[in-house]
Amino acid sequence: MSLGSEFREFAMKGSVIDLAVGVVIGAAFGKIVDSLVNDIIMPIVGILIGGYDFSKLSYKIGEAEIKYGNFIQTSFNFIIIAFVLFMVIKAINNLKRLEELKLKK
């Protein structure tokens, strides 16, 4: 088998295509979550804690600027993404359990 045909067989396997689709959907989902956090959640949090805008928080040391507000923002994004993924996987697992129970009856 030639290198080209081996690569074609590898690239056309279902798992590789599924992974590619997952990456594209994940990137789009990430943009949605970023917008949710940046445009909706963080302004509300900022109002609740006295009008702070996390994205502008920084500390200057000489010429360097440490933008710890961006770190806080990214941490919120991660927590929200992780929670949403947890809830989706939990729902899928519940559906699988329900299907298994129906099949046993």
N, C-alpha and C. Protein backbone atom coordinates (compact mmCIF):
# COMPACT_ATOMS: atom_id res chain seq x y z
N MET A 1 0.84 -1.18 0.00
CA MET A 1 0.00 0.00 0.00
C MET A 1 0.89 1.25 0.00
N SER A 2 0.61 2.19 -0.86
CA SER A 2 1.44 3.39 -0.96
C SER A 2 1.16 4.35 0.19
N LEU A 3 2.08 5.24 0.40
CA LEU A 3 1.95 6.22 1.48
C LEU A 3 0.70 7.07 1.27
N GLY A 4 0.43 7.47 0.03
CA GLY A 4 -0.74 8.29 -0.27
C GLY A 4 -2.04 7.58 0.04
N SER A 5 -2.14 6.31 -0.35
CA SER A 5 -3.38 5.58 -0.09
C SER A 5 -3.54 5.27 1.40
N GLU A 6 -2.43 5.02 2.10
CA GLU A 6 -2.50 4.82 3.55
C GLU A 6 -3.00 6.08 4.25
N PHE A 7 -2.46 7.24 3.80
CA PHE A 7 -2.89 8.49 4.41
C PHE A 7 -4.36 8.75 4.11
N ARG A 8 -4.80 8.50 2.90
CA ARG A 8 -6.20 8.70 2.52
C ARG A 8 -7.11 7.82 3.38
N GLU A 9 -6.71 6.57 3.58
CA GLU A 9 -7.50 5.66 4.42
C GLU A 9 -7.58 6.17 5.85
N PHE A 10 -6.43 6.65 6.37
CA PHE A 10 -6.40 7.21 7.73
C PHE A 10 -7.29 8.44 7.84
N ALA A 11 -7.16 9.36 6.88
CA ALA A 11 -7.90 10.63 6.94
C ALA A 11 -9.40 10.43 6.78
N MET A 12 -9.81 9.37 6.14
CA MET A 12 -11.23 9.16 5.89
C MET A 12 -11.89 8.26 6.93
N LYS A 13 -11.12 7.83 7.92
CA LYS A 13 -11.72 7.05 9.00
C LYS A 13 -12.73 7.92 9.74
N GLY A 14 -13.77 7.31 10.21
CA GLY A 14 -14.83 8.05 10.90
C GLY A 14 -14.33 8.82 12.10
N SER A 15 -13.40 8.23 12.87
CA SER A 15 -12.95 8.90 14.08
C SER A 15 -12.19 10.19 13.77
N VAL A 16 -11.44 10.21 12.68
CA VAL A 16 -10.71 11.42 12.31
C VAL A 16 -11.67 12.51 11.88
N ILE A 17 -12.67 12.14 11.10
CA ILE A 17 -13.66 13.11 10.65
C ILE A 17 -14.47 13.61 11.84
N ASP A 18 -14.86 12.71 12.74
CA ASP A 18 -15.58 13.12 13.95
C ASP A 18 -14.75 14.10 14.78
N LEU A 19 -13.47 13.84 14.89
CA LEU A 19 -12.58 14.73 15.64
C LEU A 19 -12.53 16.10 14.98
N ALA A 20 -12.41 16.13 13.66
CA ALA A 20 -12.35 17.40 12.95
C ALA A 20 -13.64 18.20 13.16
N VAL A 21 -14.78 17.53 13.06
CA VAL A 21 -16.06 18.20 13.29
C VAL A 21 -16.11 18.72 14.73
N GLY A 22 -15.67 17.92 15.68
CA GLY A 22 -15.66 18.34 17.08
C GLY A 22 -14.80 19.56 17.32
N VAL A 23 -13.64 19.62 16.66
CA VAL A 23 -12.75 20.78 16.82
C VAL A 23 -13.41 22.04 16.27
N VAL A 24 -14.03 21.93 15.09
CA VAL A 24 -14.68 23.10 14.49
C VAL A 24 -15.85 23.57 15.36
N ILE A 25 -16.67 22.64 15.81
CA ILE A 25 -17.80 23.01 16.66
C ILE A 25 -17.29 23.57 17.99
N GLY A 26 -16.23 22.99 18.52
CA GLY A 26 -15.66 23.48 19.76
C GLY A 26 -15.15 24.91 19.63
N ALA A 27 -14.52 25.23 18.51
CA ALA A 27 -14.04 26.60 18.29
C ALA A 27 -15.21 27.57 18.23
N ALA A 28 -16.26 27.19 17.52
CA ALA A 28 -17.44 28.06 17.42
C ALA A 28 -18.10 28.20 18.80
N PHE A 29 -18.18 27.11 19.55
CA PHE A 29 -18.76 27.15 20.89
C PHE A 29 -17.93 28.05 21.80
N GLY A 30 -16.62 28.00 21.65
CA GLY A 30 -15.74 28.85 22.44
C GLY A 30 -16.02 30.32 22.21
N LYS A 31 -16.28 30.69 20.96
CA LYS A 31 -16.61 32.09 20.66
C LYS A 31 -17.93 32.50 21.30
N ILE A 32 -18.89 31.61 21.30
CA ILE A 32 -20.18 31.89 21.93
C ILE A 32 -19.99 32.09 23.43
N VAL A 33 -19.22 31.21 24.05
CA VAL A 33 -18.98 31.32 25.50
C VAL A 33 -18.20 32.59 25.81
N ASP A 34 -17.20 32.92 24.99
CA ASP A 34 -16.46 34.16 25.20
C ASP A 34 -17.39 35.37 25.17
N SER A 35 -18.30 35.39 24.21
CA SER A 35 -19.26 36.49 24.14
C SER A 35 -20.17 36.51 25.36
N LEU A 36 -20.64 35.34 25.77
CA LEU A 36 -21.49 35.25 26.96
C LEU A 36 -20.78 35.83 28.17
N VAL A 37 -19.53 35.40 28.36
CA VAL A 37 -18.78 35.85 29.53
C VAL A 37 -18.43 37.33 29.42
N ASN A 38 -17.85 37.73 28.28
CA ASN A 38 -17.37 39.11 28.13
C ASN A 38 -18.50 40.14 28.05
N ASP A 39 -19.58 39.80 27.37
CA ASP A 39 -20.63 40.78 27.08
C ASP A 39 -21.80 40.75 28.05
N ILE A 40 -21.97 39.65 28.78
CA ILE A 40 -23.13 39.54 29.66
C ILE A 40 -22.72 39.31 31.12
N ILE A 41 -21.97 38.25 31.37
CA ILE A 41 -21.67 37.87 32.76
C ILE A 41 -20.70 38.84 33.43
N MET A 42 -19.58 39.15 32.79
CA MET A 42 -18.58 40.00 33.44
C MET A 42 -19.07 41.42 33.70
N PRO A 43 -19.84 42.04 32.80
CA PRO A 43 -20.39 43.36 33.18
C PRO A 43 -21.28 43.30 34.42
N ILE A 44 -22.07 42.24 34.53
CA ILE A 44 -22.92 42.08 35.71
C ILE A 44 -22.06 41.88 36.96
N VAL A 45 -21.05 41.02 36.86
CA VAL A 45 -20.13 40.81 37.99
C VAL A 45 -19.44 42.12 38.35
N GLY A 46 -19.02 42.88 37.34
CA GLY A 46 -18.38 44.16 37.58
C GLY A 46 -19.28 45.12 38.33
N ILE A 47 -20.55 45.16 37.95
CA ILE A 47 -21.51 46.03 38.65
C ILE A 47 -21.68 45.58 40.09
N LEU A 48 -21.77 44.27 40.30
CA LEU A 48 -21.98 43.73 41.65
C LEU A 48 -20.81 44.01 42.58
N ILE A 49 -19.60 44.10 42.02
CA ILE A 49 -18.43 44.34 42.88
C ILE A 49 -17.95 45.79 42.80
N GLY A 50 -18.80 46.67 42.31
CA GLY A 50 -18.47 48.09 42.37
C GLY A 50 -18.01 48.71 41.08
N GLY A 51 -18.37 48.15 39.96
CA GLY A 51 -18.08 48.76 38.67
C GLY A 51 -16.72 48.43 38.09
N TYR A 52 -16.05 47.42 38.59
CA TYR A 52 -14.75 47.05 38.03
C TYR A 52 -14.92 46.40 36.67
N ASP A 53 -14.00 46.71 35.77
CA ASP A 53 -13.91 46.05 34.47
C ASP A 53 -12.67 45.17 34.52
N PHE A 54 -12.87 43.88 34.66
CA PHE A 54 -11.75 42.95 34.83
C PHE A 54 -10.73 43.03 33.71
N SER A 55 -11.20 43.21 32.48
CA SER A 55 -10.28 43.18 31.35
C SER A 55 -9.27 44.33 31.39
N LYS A 56 -9.56 45.37 32.13
CA LYS A 56 -8.65 46.51 32.21
C LYS A 56 -7.73 46.47 33.44
N LEU A 57 -7.90 45.48 34.28
CA LEU A 57 -7.06 45.38 35.48
C LEU A 57 -5.64 44.97 35.09
N SER A 58 -4.68 45.73 35.55
CA SER A 58 -3.29 45.39 35.26
C SER A 58 -2.39 46.04 36.32
N TYR A 59 -1.17 45.61 36.33
CA TYR A 59 -0.19 46.14 37.27
C TYR A 59 1.09 46.39 36.48
N LYS A 60 1.64 47.59 36.61
CA LYS A 60 2.83 47.94 35.85
C LYS A 60 4.07 47.82 36.74
N ILE A 61 5.06 47.11 36.21
CA ILE A 61 6.36 47.01 36.88
C ILE A 61 7.40 47.45 35.85
N GLY A 62 7.89 48.63 36.02
CA GLY A 62 8.83 49.17 35.04
C GLY A 62 8.16 49.28 33.68
N GLU A 63 8.74 48.65 32.69
CA GLU A 63 8.18 48.66 31.33
C GLU A 63 7.14 47.56 31.12
N ALA A 64 7.14 46.58 32.00
CA ALA A 64 6.22 45.43 31.84
C ALA A 64 4.85 45.74 32.44
N GLU A 65 3.83 45.24 31.76
CA GLU A 65 2.46 45.39 32.28
C GLU A 65 1.88 44.00 32.48
N ILE A 66 1.54 43.70 33.72
CA ILE A 66 0.95 42.40 34.05
C ILE A 66 -0.57 42.56 34.00
N LYS A 67 -1.18 41.93 33.02
CA LYS A 67 -2.63 42.07 32.79
C LYS A 67 -3.37 40.94 33.49
N TYR A 68 -3.44 41.03 34.80
CA TYR A 68 -4.09 39.97 35.57
C TYR A 68 -5.59 39.96 35.36
N GLY A 69 -6.17 41.04 34.89
CA GLY A 69 -7.60 41.07 34.58
C GLY A 69 -7.95 40.12 33.45
N ASN A 70 -7.07 40.04 32.45
CA ASN A 70 -7.29 39.08 31.36
C ASN A 70 -7.25 37.65 31.87
N PHE A 71 -6.37 37.41 32.84
CA PHE A 71 -6.30 36.07 33.44
C PHE A 71 -7.60 35.73 34.16
N ILE A 72 -8.14 36.70 34.91
CA ILE A 72 -9.42 36.49 35.60
C ILE A 72 -10.50 36.21 34.58
N GLN A 73 -10.53 36.98 33.50
CA GLN A 73 -11.51 36.80 32.43
C GLN A 73 -11.41 35.41 31.82
N THR A 74 -10.21 34.98 31.50
CA THR A 74 -10.00 33.66 30.90
C THR A 74 -10.37 32.56 31.88
N SER A 75 -10.11 32.76 33.15
CA SER A 75 -10.49 31.77 34.16
C SER A 75 -12.00 31.62 34.24
N PHE A 76 -12.73 32.73 34.19
CA PHE A 76 -14.20 32.66 34.16
C PHE A 76 -14.67 31.90 32.91
N ASN A 77 -14.06 32.19 31.77
CA ASN A 77 -14.42 31.48 30.54
C ASN A 77 -14.25 29.98 30.71
N PHE A 78 -13.10 29.58 31.27
CA PHE A 78 -12.83 28.16 31.46
C PHE A 78 -13.86 27.51 32.37
N ILE A 79 -14.17 28.17 33.48
CA ILE A 79 -15.12 27.61 34.43
C ILE A 79 -16.49 27.43 33.78
N ILE A 80 -16.91 28.41 33.02
CA ILE A 80 -18.21 28.32 32.35
C ILE A 80 -18.21 27.22 31.30
N ILE A 81 -17.16 27.14 30.49
CA ILE A 81 -17.07 26.08 29.47
C ILE A 81 -17.07 24.71 30.14
N ALA A 82 -16.28 24.55 31.20
CA ALA A 82 -16.20 23.26 31.89
C ALA A 82 -17.57 22.89 32.47
N PHE A 83 -18.28 23.86 33.05
CA PHE A 83 -19.58 23.58 33.63
C PHE A 83 -20.59 23.19 32.55
N VAL A 84 -20.60 23.91 31.45
CA VAL A 84 -21.53 23.59 30.36
C VAL A 84 -21.23 22.19 29.81
N LEU A 85 -19.96 21.88 29.58
CA LEU A 85 -19.61 20.54 29.10
C LEU A 85 -20.02 19.47 30.10
N PHE A 86 -19.83 19.73 31.38
CA PHE A 86 -20.26 18.80 32.41
C PHE A 86 -21.76 18.54 32.31
N MET A 87 -22.54 19.62 32.17
CA MET A 87 -23.99 19.48 32.10
C MET A 87 -24.42 18.72 30.84
N VAL A 88 -23.75 18.97 29.71
CA VAL A 88 -24.08 18.26 28.47
C VAL A 88 -23.77 16.78 28.62
N ILE A 89 -22.60 16.45 29.15
CA ILE A 89 -22.23 15.04 29.33
C ILE A 89 -23.15 14.37 30.33
N LYS A 90 -23.52 15.09 31.38
CA LYS A 90 -24.46 14.54 32.36
C LYS A 90 -25.81 14.23 31.70
N ALA A 91 -26.29 15.12 30.86
CA ALA A 91 -27.56 14.90 30.16
C ALA A 91 -27.46 13.70 29.22
N ILE A 92 -26.35 13.60 28.50
CA ILE A 92 -26.16 12.46 27.59
C ILE A 92 -26.13 11.16 28.37
N ASN A 93 -25.43 11.13 29.49
CA ASN A 93 -25.37 9.92 30.31
C ASN A 93 -26.74 9.55 30.85
N ASN A 94 -27.54 10.55 31.26
CA ASN A 94 -28.91 10.27 31.72
C ASN A 94 -29.76 9.68 30.60
N LEU A 95 -29.62 10.21 29.40
CA LEU A 95 -30.37 9.67 28.24
C LEU A 95 -29.95 8.23 27.95
N LYS A 96 -28.65 7.95 28.05
CA LYS A 96 -28.17 6.58 27.84
C LYS A 96 -28.75 5.64 28.88
N ARG A 97 -28.78 6.08 30.14
CA ARG A 97 -29.36 5.24 31.20
C ARG A 97 -30.83 4.97 30.95
N LEU A 98 -31.56 6.00 30.55
CA LEU A 98 -32.98 5.83 30.23
C LEU A 98 -33.17 4.83 29.09
N GLU A 99 -32.35 4.93 28.08
CA GLU A 99 -32.44 4.01 26.94
C GLU A 99 -32.13 2.58 27.37
N GLU A 100 -31.12 2.42 28.24
CA GLU A 100 -30.79 1.09 28.74
C GLU A 100 -31.95 0.50 29.55
N LEU A 101 -32.60 1.34 30.36
CA LEU A 101 -33.74 0.87 31.14
C LEU A 101 -34.90 0.45 30.23
N LYS A 102 -35.14 1.20 29.16
CA LYS A 102 -36.19 0.85 28.21
C LYS A 102 -35.89 -0.46 27.52
N LEU A 103 -34.61 -0.70 27.19
CA LEU A 103 -34.23 -1.92 26.51
C LEU A 103 -34.35 -3.14 27.41
N LYS A 104 -34.16 -2.95 28.72
CA LYS A 104 -34.24 -4.07 29.67
C LYS A 104 -35.68 -4.50 29.90
N LYS A 105 -36.63 -3.60 29.68
CA LYS A 105 -38.05 -3.92 29.94
C LYS A 105 -38.62 -4.79 28.88
